[in-house]
Amino acid sequence: MGVYLNPGNDAFRETVNSEIYVDKTGLLEYTNRVMETEDKYICVSRPRRFGKSIAAKMLAAYYDRSCDSHTIFDKLEIAKTASYEDKINQSDVLYLDISWFRTNAGSADRVVSMIQRTVIRELQMAYPEAVDSDNGSLPMVLADINSVTRTKFVVIIDEWDCLFREDRMDRKSQEEYIELLRGLFKGGPSQKFIKLAYLTGILPIKKYGTQSALNNFKEYTMVKPLLLAEYVGFTEAEVQILCRKYHMDFSEAKQWYDGYSFNRVKSVYSPNSVVQAMRYQEFGNYWTETETYEDLKTYINMNFDGLRDAVISMIGGGRCRISTRKFQNDMANIKNRDDVMTLLVHLGYLAFDEKTSEVYIPNQEVSDEFANAVEDGGWEALANAIRDSSDLLDATIHCDEAAVAAGIDKIHTENTSILSYNNEQSLSCVITIAYYSARKDYMISRELPTGKGFADMVFIPRREKSIPALIIELKWNQSAQGAIAQIKNRCYAGALSGYTGDILMVGINYDKKMKKHTCMIEKWDGI
């Protein structure tokens, strides 16, 4: 076993031996299927803490011919497939962690030379008959080895986009690095010595103009994960199993960590956060605590038309339509509002609905990070609304209708540029912001089915909270009394089946002519 050539299976064995391991070895069935075909070039981009490196280590452990990995994989999903025995431990593997090279090289301009020098040294030891000691080109060395021995390589590159994230303005080093990748993966000789190529990163492959720098790669991204959607994070079924095992409330796990949704898999959860919540027996912000929110703050403060309005709308539970096509897949060439939001999709701060081309904030964990990011930097009105939301919730619980109406009026007035009302959906955005702090005490559902329609907003207390549930019905240019009547007539309280505590009905109306909100609050008496 070597450092880069055939690194063994110890790293993945530790992962499988961990207290919590969710079996994602089904991915290997796909890589087995495309190996030595035109689809053998794969680039998987995911946000940080979404299991990219675990998948890379899994591939290395499975394919590496220098070790026997049966004791790891025999008990996992891949062992049930027809290709399992044919492919396990049958290949020479090159495993390169670009983040590791970047750290140890000292600067971006030394990364390529360090990769070539150190990897060629290992290859020369393994294939002395095929490697010329004077050859400093890694692609040419691999071509020579293939020519002499007919060896083909599984090449795994983890954190492929490190230079584009850490050295985002160093175009010269980036272009030198891209030329190395082109040598490894494009052209006739590389087609002969590559058995499978698997790249992981946060960003998709860099574009120059509209063309990918490595256009022979099949890309599986947060915008379009295609066949690999179930490997983006944890599926709902996987999270349900973990919640049962660790006696955790699944509905809370869903509110905290769900929200990424794709054509093939409708609910995808942030994997690291779920694992930490199970391990520590407490829901909270685990994914975003691994890195500061400075990038988020930087990008949402960019001065692009419509960006600020879109961000506030999404914090209020709304969605925004974008185009992802012109994004250059880097963090330097950000030219408009759509580029910012496309980047935030790849970073995991936004989710993307492929069918509607809309982005939205996926869950409570990420929403809290947006709230942190707007604490300063020109977002005073929104930050004040979030801070004041605790007072508004208290006023609601104490049935202070005038205070609730006044509080919502204030939020609307101070944010008129982005909350110009024209329907109940706009009102819903303001109400979500107004009750932002309620997320700590309630599980909140919007458009909750009740059997006789949909309740606009339902707040269900968390188990340990002795507070009333809230059913909020919103009206625009009608009346708060009419909202209360609708809650009663359509028996919206039926949506709280199994709940035995107090229920408050909250009707809120916005009068367009008067530019005022009215509020009516009644206790549900079972009528």
Protein backbone atom coordinates (compact mmCIF):
# COMPACT_ATOMS: atom_id res chain seq x y z
CA MET A 1 0.00 0.00 0.00
CA GLY A 2 1.13 3.51 -0.75
CA VAL A 3 0.16 7.07 0.05
CA TYR A 4 -1.42 7.84 -3.32
CA LEU A 5 -1.14 4.57 -5.25
CA ASN A 6 -3.34 1.87 -3.71
CA PRO A 7 -3.80 3.53 -0.29
CA GLY A 8 -5.63 0.56 1.22
CA ASN A 9 -8.92 0.31 3.07
CA ASP A 10 -8.12 1.49 6.61
CA ALA A 11 -9.82 4.88 6.19
CA PHE A 12 -13.12 3.40 5.04
CA ARG A 13 -12.96 0.61 7.61
CA GLU A 14 -12.95 3.27 10.35
CA THR A 15 -16.02 4.85 8.77
CA VAL A 16 -17.93 1.56 8.71
CA ASN A 17 -16.86 0.80 12.28
CA SER A 18 -18.22 4.12 13.54
CA GLU A 19 -21.23 4.16 15.87
CA ILE A 20 -23.46 5.48 13.08
CA TYR A 21 -22.89 4.37 9.51
CA VAL A 22 -25.52 4.55 6.78
CA ASP A 23 -24.86 2.13 3.94
CA LYS A 24 -24.36 3.99 0.65
CA THR A 25 -22.46 1.22 -1.12
CA GLY A 26 -25.20 1.05 -3.74
CA LEU A 27 -23.18 3.77 -5.47
CA LEU A 28 -20.60 1.09 -6.28
CA GLU A 29 -23.11 -0.78 -8.40
CA TYR A 30 -23.35 2.29 -10.61
CA THR A 31 -19.58 2.84 -10.83
CA ASN A 32 -19.13 -0.87 -11.64
CA ARG A 33 -21.63 -0.51 -14.45
CA VAL A 34 -19.94 2.49 -16.10
CA MET A 35 -16.35 1.33 -15.56
CA GLU A 36 -14.44 1.11 -18.87
CA THR A 37 -17.30 2.70 -20.81
CA GLU A 38 -17.71 6.21 -22.20
CA ASP A 39 -19.54 7.09 -18.97
CA LYS A 40 -16.55 6.23 -16.77
CA TYR A 41 -15.79 9.93 -16.07
CA ILE A 42 -17.84 11.04 -13.04
CA CYS A 43 -17.83 14.33 -11.14
CA VAL A 44 -19.97 14.49 -7.99
CA SER A 45 -20.39 17.92 -6.37
CA ARG A 46 -21.99 18.33 -2.95
CA PRO A 47 -21.90 20.86 -0.07
CA ARG A 48 -19.39 20.37 2.73
CA ARG A 49 -20.30 17.72 5.29
CA PHE A 50 -22.44 15.83 2.75
CA GLY A 51 -20.29 12.69 2.65
CA LYS A 52 -18.13 13.35 -0.41
CA SER A 53 -14.90 12.16 1.16
CA ILE A 54 -16.58 9.09 2.68
CA ALA A 55 -17.73 8.08 -0.81
CA ALA A 56 -14.23 8.62 -2.21
CA LYS A 57 -12.71 6.47 0.54
CA MET A 58 -15.34 3.82 -0.12
CA LEU A 59 -14.40 3.62 -3.80
CA ALA A 60 -10.70 3.39 -2.95
CA ALA A 61 -11.27 0.59 -0.43
CA TYR A 62 -13.46 -1.37 -2.83
CA TYR A 63 -11.29 -1.19 -5.94
CA ASP A 64 -7.76 -1.20 -4.42
CA ARG A 65 -6.00 -4.43 -5.43
CA SER A 66 -3.36 -4.14 -2.69
CA CYS A 67 -5.81 -5.22 0.05
CA ASP A 68 -8.70 -7.60 0.70
CA SER A 69 -11.85 -5.64 1.57
CA HIS A 70 -14.33 -8.51 1.77
CA THR A 71 -14.61 -8.24 5.56
CA ILE A 72 -15.80 -4.65 5.10
CA PHE A 73 -18.16 -5.04 2.14
CA ASP A 74 -19.57 -8.56 2.54
CA LYS A 75 -22.18 -7.28 5.01
CA LEU A 76 -23.12 -4.20 2.96
CA GLU A 77 -25.58 -3.56 0.14
CA ILE A 78 -23.08 -3.90 -2.70
CA ALA A 79 -22.43 -7.54 -1.76
CA LYS A 80 -25.93 -8.44 -3.00
CA THR A 81 -25.19 -7.33 -6.56
CA ALA A 82 -23.99 -9.40 -9.50
CA SER A 83 -20.91 -7.25 -10.09
CA TYR A 84 -19.63 -7.40 -6.50
CA GLU A 85 -17.05 -10.17 -6.80
CA ASP A 86 -15.98 -9.24 -10.32
CA LYS A 87 -14.79 -5.77 -9.29
CA ILE A 88 -13.73 -5.88 -5.65
CA ASN A 89 -9.95 -5.34 -5.16
CA GLN A 90 -9.17 -5.75 -8.84
CA SER A 91 -7.71 -2.36 -9.78
CA ASP A 92 -4.80 -0.02 -9.28
CA VAL A 93 -6.16 3.07 -7.54
CA LEU A 94 -4.73 6.58 -7.55
CA TYR A 95 -6.24 8.61 -4.71
CA LEU A 96 -5.49 12.34 -4.60
CA ASP A 97 -6.84 14.70 -1.94
CA ILE A 98 -6.28 18.16 -3.44
CA SER A 99 -7.00 19.90 -0.14
CA TRP A 100 -4.16 17.92 1.44
CA PHE A 101 -1.80 18.91 -1.39
CA ARG A 102 -2.86 22.57 -1.11
CA THR A 103 -2.12 22.60 2.63
CA ASN A 104 1.27 20.94 2.32
CA ALA A 105 2.42 22.73 -0.83
CA GLY A 106 2.22 26.05 0.99
CA SER A 107 0.78 27.98 -1.95
CA ALA A 108 -1.46 27.34 -4.92
CA ASP A 109 1.32 27.74 -7.51
CA ARG A 110 3.19 24.75 -6.03
CA VAL A 111 0.28 22.31 -6.00
CA VAL A 112 0.60 20.90 -9.53
CA SER A 113 4.35 20.34 -9.28
CA MET A 114 3.93 18.67 -5.88
CA ILE A 115 1.23 16.33 -7.20
CA GLN A 116 3.31 15.30 -10.18
CA ARG A 117 6.57 14.90 -8.25
CA THR A 118 5.21 12.84 -5.35
CA VAL A 119 2.82 10.65 -7.32
CA ILE A 120 5.38 9.87 -10.03
CA ARG A 121 7.83 8.84 -7.31
CA GLU A 122 5.39 6.22 -6.05
CA LEU A 123 4.59 5.04 -9.57
CA GLN A 124 8.28 4.64 -10.32
CA MET A 125 8.68 2.38 -7.30
CA ALA A 126 5.70 0.24 -8.37
CA TYR A 127 6.51 0.17 -12.11
CA PRO A 128 10.29 0.64 -12.44
CA GLU A 129 10.31 -1.01 -15.84
CA ALA A 130 7.86 1.51 -17.30
CA VAL A 131 8.65 4.86 -15.65
CA ASP A 132 11.44 7.06 -16.93
CA SER A 133 12.99 8.92 -13.98
CA ASP A 134 13.32 12.06 -16.13
CA ASN A 135 9.64 12.21 -17.02
CA GLY A 136 7.91 14.89 -14.90
CA SER A 137 4.46 14.64 -16.49
CA LEU A 138 2.00 12.49 -14.55
CA PRO A 139 -0.31 11.90 -17.55
CA MET A 140 2.64 10.78 -19.68
CA VAL A 141 3.90 8.47 -16.93
CA LEU A 142 0.48 6.81 -16.70
CA ALA A 143 0.41 6.47 -20.49
CA ASP A 144 3.86 4.85 -20.43
CA ILE A 145 2.79 2.40 -17.70
CA ASN A 146 -0.28 1.45 -19.72
CA SER A 147 1.79 1.03 -22.86
CA VAL A 148 4.26 -1.34 -21.18
CA THR A 149 2.00 -3.24 -18.74
CA ARG A 150 -1.55 -2.62 -20.05
CA THR A 151 -2.47 -1.38 -16.55
CA LYS A 152 -5.54 0.80 -16.24
CA PHE A 153 -6.18 3.01 -13.22
CA VAL A 154 -9.12 4.01 -11.09
CA VAL A 155 -8.37 7.68 -10.40
CA ILE A 156 -10.15 9.27 -7.45
CA ILE A 157 -9.69 13.00 -6.81
CA ASP A 158 -11.24 14.33 -3.61
CA GLU A 159 -11.85 18.09 -3.18
CA TRP A 160 -11.04 18.56 -6.86
CA ASP A 161 -12.16 22.23 -6.69
CA CYS A 162 -9.98 23.26 -3.74
CA LEU A 163 -7.98 25.83 -5.73
CA PHE A 164 -11.16 27.40 -7.07
CA ARG A 165 -12.45 27.87 -3.52
CA GLU A 166 -9.32 28.61 -1.49
CA ASP A 167 -7.43 30.56 -4.18
CA ARG A 168 -10.39 31.92 -6.08
CA MET A 169 -8.49 34.83 -7.67
CA ASP A 170 -5.33 32.89 -8.65
CA ARG A 171 -6.27 32.23 -12.26
CA LYS A 172 -2.76 31.20 -13.28
CA SER A 173 -2.57 28.36 -10.73
CA GLN A 174 -6.10 27.28 -11.58
CA GLU A 175 -5.33 27.08 -15.30
CA GLU A 176 -2.15 25.08 -14.64
CA TYR A 177 -4.20 22.69 -12.53
CA ILE A 178 -6.93 22.37 -15.17
CA GLU A 179 -4.25 21.54 -17.76
CA LEU A 180 -3.08 18.70 -15.51
CA LEU A 181 -6.64 17.39 -15.29
CA ARG A 182 -7.05 17.64 -19.05
CA GLY A 183 -3.89 15.60 -19.47
CA LEU A 184 -5.21 12.97 -17.07
CA PHE A 185 -8.71 12.71 -18.46
CA LYS A 186 -8.90 13.94 -22.06
CA GLY A 187 -7.34 12.61 -25.24
CA GLY A 188 -6.57 9.22 -26.73
CA PRO A 189 -3.80 8.08 -24.33
CA SER A 190 -5.84 8.94 -21.23
CA GLN A 191 -8.79 6.98 -22.54
CA LYS A 192 -6.53 3.93 -22.52
CA PHE A 193 -5.12 4.27 -18.99
CA ILE A 194 -8.29 5.44 -17.21
CA LYS A 195 -10.53 2.63 -15.99
CA LEU A 196 -12.73 4.92 -13.92
CA ALA A 197 -12.42 8.56 -12.90
CA TYR A 198 -14.29 9.85 -9.86
CA LEU A 199 -14.01 13.51 -8.82
CA THR A 200 -15.63 15.07 -5.77
CA GLY A 201 -15.98 18.72 -4.85
CA ILE A 202 -18.37 21.43 -3.80
CA LEU A 203 -18.38 23.11 -7.20
CA PRO A 204 -19.12 21.50 -10.56
CA ILE A 205 -16.29 21.49 -13.09
CA LYS A 206 -15.08 24.95 -14.03
CA LYS A 207 -16.56 26.49 -17.18
CA TYR A 208 -14.80 28.73 -19.64
CA GLY A 209 -17.57 30.56 -21.45
CA THR A 210 -20.33 27.98 -21.80
CA GLN A 211 -17.97 25.00 -22.14
CA SER A 212 -16.88 22.75 -19.29
CA ALA A 213 -13.12 22.45 -18.89
CA LEU A 214 -13.59 18.66 -18.87
CA ASN A 215 -16.63 18.16 -21.05
CA ASN A 216 -16.28 14.37 -21.14
CA PHE A 217 -17.33 14.13 -17.48
CA LYS A 218 -20.85 13.25 -16.40
CA GLU A 219 -21.72 15.74 -13.68
CA TYR A 220 -24.01 15.02 -10.73
CA THR A 221 -24.70 18.25 -8.87
CA MET A 222 -27.04 19.83 -6.32
CA VAL A 223 -28.86 21.33 -9.30
CA LYS A 224 -29.14 18.04 -11.20
CA PRO A 225 -28.01 14.90 -9.33
CA LEU A 226 -29.71 12.56 -11.83
CA LEU A 227 -29.23 8.85 -11.06
CA LEU A 228 -27.18 9.58 -7.94
CA ALA A 229 -29.83 11.63 -6.10
CA GLU A 230 -30.20 9.08 -3.28
CA TYR A 231 -26.48 9.41 -2.53
CA VAL A 232 -26.58 13.21 -2.07
CA GLY A 233 -27.47 12.82 1.61
CA PHE A 234 -29.68 10.64 3.79
CA THR A 235 -33.08 9.59 2.44
CA GLU A 236 -36.24 9.88 4.50
CA ALA A 237 -36.36 6.12 5.08
CA GLU A 238 -32.76 6.15 6.37
CA VAL A 239 -33.53 9.00 8.79
CA GLN A 240 -36.67 7.27 10.04
CA ILE A 241 -34.61 4.17 10.88
CA LEU A 242 -32.08 6.27 12.79
CA CYS A 243 -34.79 8.13 14.70
CA ARG A 244 -36.37 4.88 15.80
CA LYS A 245 -33.02 3.43 16.85
CA TYR A 246 -31.99 6.51 18.83
CA HIS A 247 -35.50 7.37 20.11
CA MET A 248 -35.52 10.78 18.45
CA ASP A 249 -38.59 12.64 17.12
CA PHE A 250 -38.69 12.16 13.34
CA SER A 251 -40.89 15.21 12.74
CA GLU A 252 -38.27 17.41 14.40
CA ALA A 253 -35.50 15.79 12.37
CA LYS A 254 -37.48 16.61 9.25
CA GLN A 255 -37.94 20.26 10.20
CA TRP A 256 -34.28 20.68 11.10
CA TYR A 257 -32.48 18.79 8.32
CA ASP A 258 -34.81 17.92 5.41
CA GLY A 259 -35.59 20.16 2.46
CA TYR A 260 -33.30 19.14 -0.39
CA SER A 261 -35.53 17.62 -3.05
CA PHE A 262 -34.84 16.14 -6.47
CA ASN A 263 -36.86 14.55 -9.25
CA ARG A 264 -35.92 11.02 -8.17
CA VAL A 265 -35.78 11.53 -4.40
CA LYS A 266 -38.20 13.98 -2.82
CA SER A 267 -36.66 14.28 0.66
CA VAL A 268 -32.91 14.43 1.20
CA TYR A 269 -31.44 15.26 4.62
CA SER A 270 -28.15 16.85 5.60
CA PRO A 271 -26.24 13.69 6.61
CA ASN A 272 -23.65 15.00 9.04
CA SER A 273 -26.27 16.98 10.94
CA VAL A 274 -28.53 13.96 11.30
CA VAL A 275 -25.62 11.86 12.60
CA GLN A 276 -24.64 14.51 15.14
CA ALA A 277 -28.24 14.93 16.33
CA MET A 278 -28.55 11.19 16.90
CA ARG A 279 -25.16 10.95 18.59
CA TYR A 280 -25.73 13.86 20.97
CA GLN A 281 -29.46 13.18 21.41
CA GLU A 282 -30.30 16.80 20.64
CA PHE A 283 -31.48 18.66 17.56
CA GLY A 284 -29.54 21.78 16.65
CA ASN A 285 -27.27 23.45 14.16
CA TYR A 286 -24.46 20.98 13.41
CA TRP A 287 -23.76 21.38 9.71
CA THR A 288 -23.22 25.15 9.70
CA GLU A 289 -21.18 25.16 12.92
CA THR A 290 -18.31 23.50 11.00
CA GLU A 291 -17.67 26.76 9.14
CA THR A 292 -18.48 30.42 9.69
CA TYR A 293 -21.23 32.10 7.71
CA GLU A 294 -18.83 34.68 6.23
CA ASP A 295 -19.24 33.34 2.67
CA LEU A 296 -23.02 33.47 2.96
CA LYS A 297 -22.87 37.01 4.32
CA THR A 298 -20.48 38.07 1.55
CA TYR A 299 -22.63 36.77 -1.27
CA ILE A 300 -26.06 37.89 -0.07
CA ASN A 301 -24.66 41.40 0.43
CA MET A 302 -23.60 41.70 -3.20
CA ASN A 303 -25.20 44.69 -4.92
CA PHE A 304 -27.24 42.94 -7.60
CA ASP A 305 -30.75 44.00 -8.55
CA GLY A 306 -33.38 41.81 -6.94
CA LEU A 307 -30.99 39.85 -4.72
CA ARG A 308 -31.97 41.46 -1.43
CA ASP A 309 -35.67 41.10 -2.18
CA ALA A 310 -35.17 37.44 -3.05
CA VAL A 311 -33.25 36.70 0.15
CA ILE A 312 -35.88 38.28 2.40
CA SER A 313 -38.66 36.51 0.52
CA MET A 314 -36.93 33.17 1.06
CA ILE A 315 -36.33 33.86 4.76
CA GLY A 316 -40.08 34.41 4.83
CA GLY A 317 -40.63 30.95 3.36
CA GLY A 318 -40.92 32.02 -0.26
CA ARG A 319 -39.31 30.72 -3.44
CA CYS A 320 -37.46 32.52 -6.24
CA ARG A 321 -37.12 31.50 -9.85
CA ILE A 322 -33.55 31.54 -11.21
CA SER A 323 -31.50 30.48 -14.21
CA THR A 324 -28.47 28.31 -13.40
CA ARG A 325 -27.10 28.03 -16.93
CA LYS A 326 -24.64 30.93 -16.99
CA PHE A 327 -22.92 30.21 -13.68
CA GLN A 328 -19.19 29.68 -14.35
CA ASN A 329 -18.76 27.13 -11.53
CA ASP A 330 -16.35 29.22 -9.52
CA MET A 331 -16.53 31.71 -6.67
CA ALA A 332 -14.91 34.66 -8.42
CA ASN A 333 -16.94 35.30 -11.59
CA ILE A 334 -20.23 36.22 -9.94
CA LYS A 335 -22.07 38.56 -12.28
CA ASN A 336 -25.70 38.72 -11.21
CA ARG A 337 -28.40 37.66 -8.77
CA ASP A 338 -28.81 34.25 -10.40
CA ASP A 339 -25.09 33.49 -10.10
CA VAL A 340 -25.21 34.23 -6.37
CA MET A 341 -28.16 31.97 -5.77
CA THR A 342 -26.78 29.19 -7.97
CA LEU A 343 -23.55 29.28 -5.95
CA LEU A 344 -25.59 29.11 -2.73
CA VAL A 345 -27.29 25.98 -4.07
CA HIS A 346 -23.91 24.31 -4.55
CA LEU A 347 -22.81 25.45 -1.09
CA GLY A 348 -25.97 23.94 0.41
CA TYR A 349 -27.49 27.21 1.64
CA LEU A 350 -30.32 26.95 -0.88
CA ALA A 351 -32.22 24.02 -2.36
CA PHE A 352 -33.20 23.89 -6.04
CA ASP A 353 -36.48 22.64 -7.46
CA GLU A 354 -35.57 21.34 -10.90
CA LYS A 355 -39.16 21.24 -12.14
CA THR A 356 -39.90 24.90 -11.41
CA SER A 357 -36.31 26.29 -11.49
CA GLU A 358 -36.97 27.81 -8.06
CA VAL A 359 -34.66 28.10 -5.07
CA TYR A 360 -35.64 28.16 -1.42
CA ILE A 361 -34.11 27.79 2.07
CA PRO A 362 -34.34 24.07 2.78
CA ASN A 363 -34.70 23.73 6.56
CA GLN A 364 -34.45 25.31 10.00
CA GLU A 365 -30.72 24.66 10.31
CA VAL A 366 -29.92 26.70 7.20
CA SER A 367 -32.60 29.30 7.91
CA ASP A 368 -30.90 30.05 11.23
CA GLU A 369 -27.68 30.68 9.35
CA PHE A 370 -29.42 33.22 7.12
CA ALA A 371 -30.74 34.91 10.24
CA ASN A 372 -27.17 35.14 11.58
CA ALA A 373 -25.91 36.52 8.29
CA VAL A 374 -28.39 39.42 8.25
CA GLU A 375 -27.53 40.60 11.76
CA ASP A 376 -25.34 43.27 10.20
CA GLY A 377 -24.44 44.63 6.80
CA GLY A 378 -27.48 46.76 5.92
CA TRP A 379 -30.23 44.33 6.89
CA GLU A 380 -31.34 46.24 9.98
CA ALA A 381 -35.09 46.16 9.28
CA LEU A 382 -35.11 42.42 8.74
CA ALA A 383 -32.77 41.75 11.67
CA ASN A 384 -35.03 43.86 13.90
CA ALA A 385 -38.07 41.91 12.76
CA ILE A 386 -36.38 38.62 13.63
CA ARG A 387 -35.30 39.93 17.03
CA ASP A 388 -38.80 41.31 17.73
CA SER A 389 -40.48 38.05 16.76
CA SER A 390 -40.27 36.71 20.33
CA ASP A 391 -42.36 39.64 21.55
CA LEU A 392 -44.91 39.05 18.80
CA LEU A 393 -45.21 35.39 19.75
CA ASP A 394 -45.73 36.33 23.41
CA ALA A 395 -48.45 38.81 22.39
CA THR A 396 -50.18 36.10 20.37
CA ILE A 397 -50.08 33.55 23.19
CA HIS A 398 -51.55 36.19 25.54
CA CYS A 399 -54.26 37.03 22.96
CA ASP A 400 -53.16 40.67 22.65
CA GLU A 401 -54.74 41.31 19.26
CA ALA A 402 -53.75 44.98 19.06
CA ALA A 403 -50.09 44.24 19.78
CA VAL A 404 -50.02 41.48 17.15
CA ALA A 405 -51.54 43.76 14.50
CA ALA A 406 -49.15 46.59 15.41
CA GLY A 407 -46.14 44.30 15.30
CA ILE A 408 -47.00 43.00 11.85
CA ASP A 409 -47.67 46.57 10.67
CA LYS A 410 -44.18 47.53 11.77
CA ILE A 411 -42.52 44.69 9.86
CA HIS A 412 -44.49 45.54 6.72
CA THR A 413 -43.73 49.26 6.95
CA GLU A 414 -39.99 48.77 7.52
CA ASN A 415 -39.67 46.31 4.64
CA THR A 416 -41.94 47.88 2.03
CA SER A 417 -39.45 47.42 -0.81
CA ILE A 418 -39.63 43.66 -0.61
CA LEU A 419 -43.02 43.04 0.90
CA SER A 420 -45.35 44.99 -1.35
CA TYR A 421 -48.58 43.08 -0.83
CA ASN A 422 -50.77 41.88 -3.64
CA ASN A 423 -52.09 38.57 -2.30
CA GLU A 424 -52.16 36.20 0.67
CA GLN A 425 -48.83 34.67 -0.37
CA SER A 426 -47.12 38.02 0.23
CA LEU A 427 -48.85 38.23 3.59
CA SER A 428 -47.63 34.71 4.41
CA CYS A 429 -44.02 35.86 3.85
CA VAL A 430 -44.40 38.68 6.37
CA ILE A 431 -46.07 36.41 8.93
CA THR A 432 -43.29 33.83 8.67
CA ILE A 433 -40.70 36.51 9.41
CA ALA A 434 -42.88 37.98 12.17
CA TYR A 435 -43.00 34.61 13.95
CA TYR A 436 -39.42 33.62 13.15
CA SER A 437 -38.43 32.88 16.77
CA ALA A 438 -41.38 30.49 17.13
CA ARG A 439 -39.28 27.80 15.40
CA LYS A 440 -37.50 27.18 18.70
CA ASP A 441 -40.74 26.24 20.47
CA TYR A 442 -42.94 24.99 17.62
CA MET A 443 -42.93 22.73 14.63
CA ILE A 444 -44.40 24.91 11.90
CA SER A 445 -46.33 23.69 8.87
CA ARG A 446 -47.57 25.82 5.98
CA GLU A 447 -50.57 24.83 3.88
CA LEU A 448 -51.27 21.88 6.16
CA PRO A 449 -54.03 19.54 4.83
CA THR A 450 -57.01 19.36 7.17
CA GLY A 451 -59.53 17.24 5.26
CA LYS A 452 -61.63 20.30 4.37
CA GLY A 453 -58.93 22.43 2.84
CA PHE A 454 -55.54 23.69 3.90
CA ALA A 455 -54.74 25.67 7.02
CA ASP A 456 -52.37 28.53 6.10
CA MET A 457 -50.04 28.01 9.05
CA VAL A 458 -50.12 25.58 11.98
CA PHE A 459 -47.77 25.84 14.96
CA ILE A 460 -47.52 22.61 16.96
CA PRO A 461 -45.63 22.88 20.28
CA ARG A 462 -42.57 20.76 20.72
CA ARG A 463 -43.10 17.98 23.24
CA GLU A 464 -41.44 19.66 26.18
CA LYS A 465 -43.24 23.01 25.72
CA SER A 466 -46.36 23.96 27.74
CA ILE A 467 -47.75 26.47 25.26
CA PRO A 468 -50.86 26.48 23.06
CA ALA A 469 -50.90 25.34 19.45
CA LEU A 470 -51.67 28.06 16.91
CA ILE A 471 -53.79 27.83 13.77
CA ILE A 472 -53.20 30.97 11.70
CA GLU A 473 -55.46 31.86 8.79
CA LEU A 474 -54.50 34.77 6.54
CA LYS A 475 -56.80 37.05 4.57
CA TRP A 476 -56.10 39.84 2.12
CA ASN A 477 -58.68 42.61 1.74
CA GLN A 478 -61.27 40.61 3.70
CA SER A 479 -61.55 40.36 7.50
CA ALA A 480 -59.89 38.75 10.51
CA GLN A 481 -63.35 37.63 11.64
CA GLY A 482 -63.78 35.81 8.33
CA ALA A 483 -60.47 34.06 8.89
CA ILE A 484 -61.62 32.79 12.30
CA ALA A 485 -64.92 31.65 10.81
CA GLN A 486 -63.07 29.67 8.14
CA ILE A 487 -60.95 27.90 10.77
CA LYS A 488 -64.12 26.89 12.60
CA ASN A 489 -66.25 25.99 9.59
CA ARG A 490 -63.59 23.85 8.00
CA CYS A 491 -62.56 22.26 11.29
CA TYR A 492 -58.88 23.08 10.80
CA ALA A 493 -58.19 21.88 14.33
CA GLY A 494 -58.58 18.38 12.90
CA ALA A 495 -55.07 18.81 11.53
CA LEU A 496 -53.88 18.49 15.14
CA SER A 497 -55.04 14.92 15.57
CA GLY A 498 -53.51 13.46 18.73
CA TYR A 499 -52.72 16.86 20.23
CA THR A 500 -54.49 17.41 23.59
CA GLY A 501 -53.34 20.89 24.63
CA ASP A 502 -54.91 24.31 24.13
CA ILE A 503 -55.39 25.66 20.61
CA LEU A 504 -55.56 29.31 19.63
CA MET A 505 -57.19 30.39 16.37
CA VAL A 506 -55.46 33.45 14.91
CA GLY A 507 -57.07 35.38 12.05
CA ILE A 508 -54.97 38.05 10.33
CA ASN A 509 -56.20 40.33 7.54
CA TYR A 510 -54.44 43.05 5.55
CA ASP A 511 -56.57 45.93 4.31
CA LYS A 512 -54.95 47.25 1.16
CA LYS A 513 -56.82 50.56 1.19
CA MET A 514 -56.09 51.34 4.83
CA LYS A 515 -52.64 49.70 4.69
CA LYS A 516 -53.29 48.12 8.06
CA HIS A 517 -53.43 44.66 9.56
CA THR A 518 -56.16 43.50 11.88
CA CYS A 519 -55.96 40.48 14.15
CA MET A 520 -58.49 38.35 15.95
CA ILE A 521 -57.55 35.57 18.39
CA GLU A 522 -59.90 33.01 19.93
CA LYS A 523 -59.39 29.86 21.92
CA TRP A 524 -60.64 26.75 20.14
CA ASP A 525 -63.61 25.37 22.06
CA GLY A 526 -64.23 22.29 19.97
CA ILE A 527 -67.13 23.68 17.97
